Amino acid sequence: MGMIAGVALTIAIFIYMFWPERNPFVQADKTRADYLRERKDAIYENLRDLNFEYRAGKFTEQDYQEQRTGLEDEAARVIAELESLERRGEFGRRSRA
């Protein structure tokens, strides 16, 4: 009796875990601000990685400065757009992209 219950429970778990959604292509709506926050976090992580790898000797000074400048410029653009959205109060709008 215990073995039957175990098999039934295992089957139920597999069905629950792998049952397909009604529409697997539906994604949660994200606001532009959500996207920008994620991008900002990724840029900061890339800057930390770049600093670590530079200190480990994987980059020349010139390459390090070029990549760092590019990441810092991109971070500045993202932060400026986030602040612009905040000033306009557009955090609730959903992006269509």
Protein backbone atom coordinates (compact mmCIF):
# COMPACT_ATOMS: atom_id res chain seq x y z
CA MET A 1 0.00 0.00 0.00
CA GLY A 2 2.87 2.38 0.84
CA MET A 3 4.54 1.70 -2.49
CA ILE A 4 1.38 2.57 -4.42
CA ALA A 5 1.06 5.82 -2.49
CA GLY A 6 4.72 6.63 -3.23
CA VAL A 7 4.29 5.99 -6.95
CA ALA A 8 1.09 8.06 -7.03
CA LEU A 9 2.82 10.92 -5.21
CA THR A 10 5.80 10.77 -7.60
CA ILE A 11 3.50 10.89 -10.63
CA ALA A 12 1.55 13.79 -9.12
CA ILE A 13 4.76 15.72 -8.50
CA PHE A 14 5.98 15.17 -12.07
CA ILE A 15 2.63 16.27 -13.48
CA TYR A 16 2.63 19.38 -11.30
CA MET A 17 6.22 20.30 -12.20
CA PHE A 18 6.05 19.70 -15.93
CA TRP A 19 2.43 20.57 -16.79
CA PRO A 20 2.61 23.12 -19.61
CA GLU A 21 1.14 26.57 -19.19
CA ARG A 22 -1.85 27.46 -21.33
CA ASN A 23 0.27 29.87 -23.32
CA PRO A 24 4.00 29.36 -22.79
CA PHE A 25 4.82 32.49 -24.80
CA VAL A 26 3.14 34.87 -22.36
CA GLN A 27 5.66 36.85 -20.37
CA ALA A 28 5.11 39.01 -17.37
CA ASP A 29 4.79 42.66 -18.30
CA LYS A 30 7.77 44.73 -17.29
CA THR A 31 7.87 48.45 -17.06
CA ARG A 32 10.64 50.38 -18.73
CA ALA A 33 11.88 51.22 -15.23
CA ASP A 34 12.08 47.51 -14.35
CA TYR A 35 14.17 46.88 -17.45
CA LEU A 36 16.44 49.84 -16.64
CA ARG A 37 16.95 48.70 -13.04
CA GLU A 38 17.95 45.24 -14.26
CA ARG A 39 20.29 46.77 -16.81
CA LYS A 40 21.87 49.03 -14.16
CA ASP A 41 22.48 46.02 -11.90
CA ALA A 42 24.08 44.13 -14.79
CA ILE A 43 26.34 47.08 -15.62
CA TYR A 44 27.47 47.38 -12.00
CA GLU A 45 28.20 43.67 -11.91
CA ASN A 46 30.21 44.00 -15.13
CA LEU A 47 32.19 46.86 -13.61
CA ARG A 48 33.00 44.75 -10.54
CA ASP A 49 34.09 41.86 -12.76
CA LEU A 50 36.17 44.18 -14.91
CA ASN A 51 37.97 45.60 -11.86
CA PHE A 52 38.65 42.12 -10.52
CA GLU A 53 39.99 40.85 -13.84
CA TYR A 54 42.14 43.95 -14.28
CA ARG A 55 43.68 43.42 -10.85
CA ALA A 56 44.26 39.78 -11.80
CA GLY A 57 46.29 40.97 -14.80
CA LYS A 58 43.91 39.90 -17.56
CA PHE A 59 43.64 43.37 -19.13
CA THR A 60 46.13 46.00 -20.18
CA GLU A 61 45.71 49.50 -18.75
CA GLN A 62 44.39 50.81 -22.07
CA ASP A 63 41.84 48.01 -22.52
CA TYR A 64 40.71 48.39 -18.92
CA GLN A 65 40.20 52.15 -19.28
CA GLU A 66 38.30 51.78 -22.56
CA GLN A 67 35.95 49.14 -21.19
CA ARG A 68 35.47 50.96 -17.91
CA THR A 69 34.66 54.22 -19.70
CA GLY A 70 32.13 52.44 -21.91
CA LEU A 71 30.41 50.79 -18.94
CA GLU A 72 30.38 54.02 -16.95
CA ASP A 73 28.87 55.92 -19.90
CA GLU A 74 26.17 53.28 -20.30
CA ALA A 75 25.44 53.37 -16.56
CA ALA A 76 25.11 57.16 -16.72
CA ARG A 77 22.61 56.89 -19.61
CA VAL A 78 20.55 54.27 -17.77
CA ILE A 79 20.50 56.25 -14.52
CA ALA A 80 19.56 59.45 -16.38
CA GLU A 81 16.64 57.69 -18.06
CA LEU A 82 15.52 56.20 -14.72
CA GLU A 83 15.59 59.65 -13.13
CA SER A 84 13.68 61.07 -16.07
CA LEU A 85 10.98 58.43 -15.68
CA GLU A 86 10.82 59.15 -11.97
CA ARG A 87 10.38 62.89 -12.55
CA ARG A 88 7.58 62.23 -15.04
CA GLY A 89 5.99 59.65 -12.77
CA GLU A 90 5.98 56.95 -15.44
CA PHE A 91 6.98 53.97 -13.31
CA GLY A 92 3.58 52.37 -13.80
CA ARG A 93 3.58 52.27 -17.59
CA ARG A 94 4.09 48.93 -19.24
CA SER A 95 6.58 48.62 -22.07
CA ARG A 96 5.56 47.05 -25.34
CA ALA A 97 9.08 45.99 -26.30
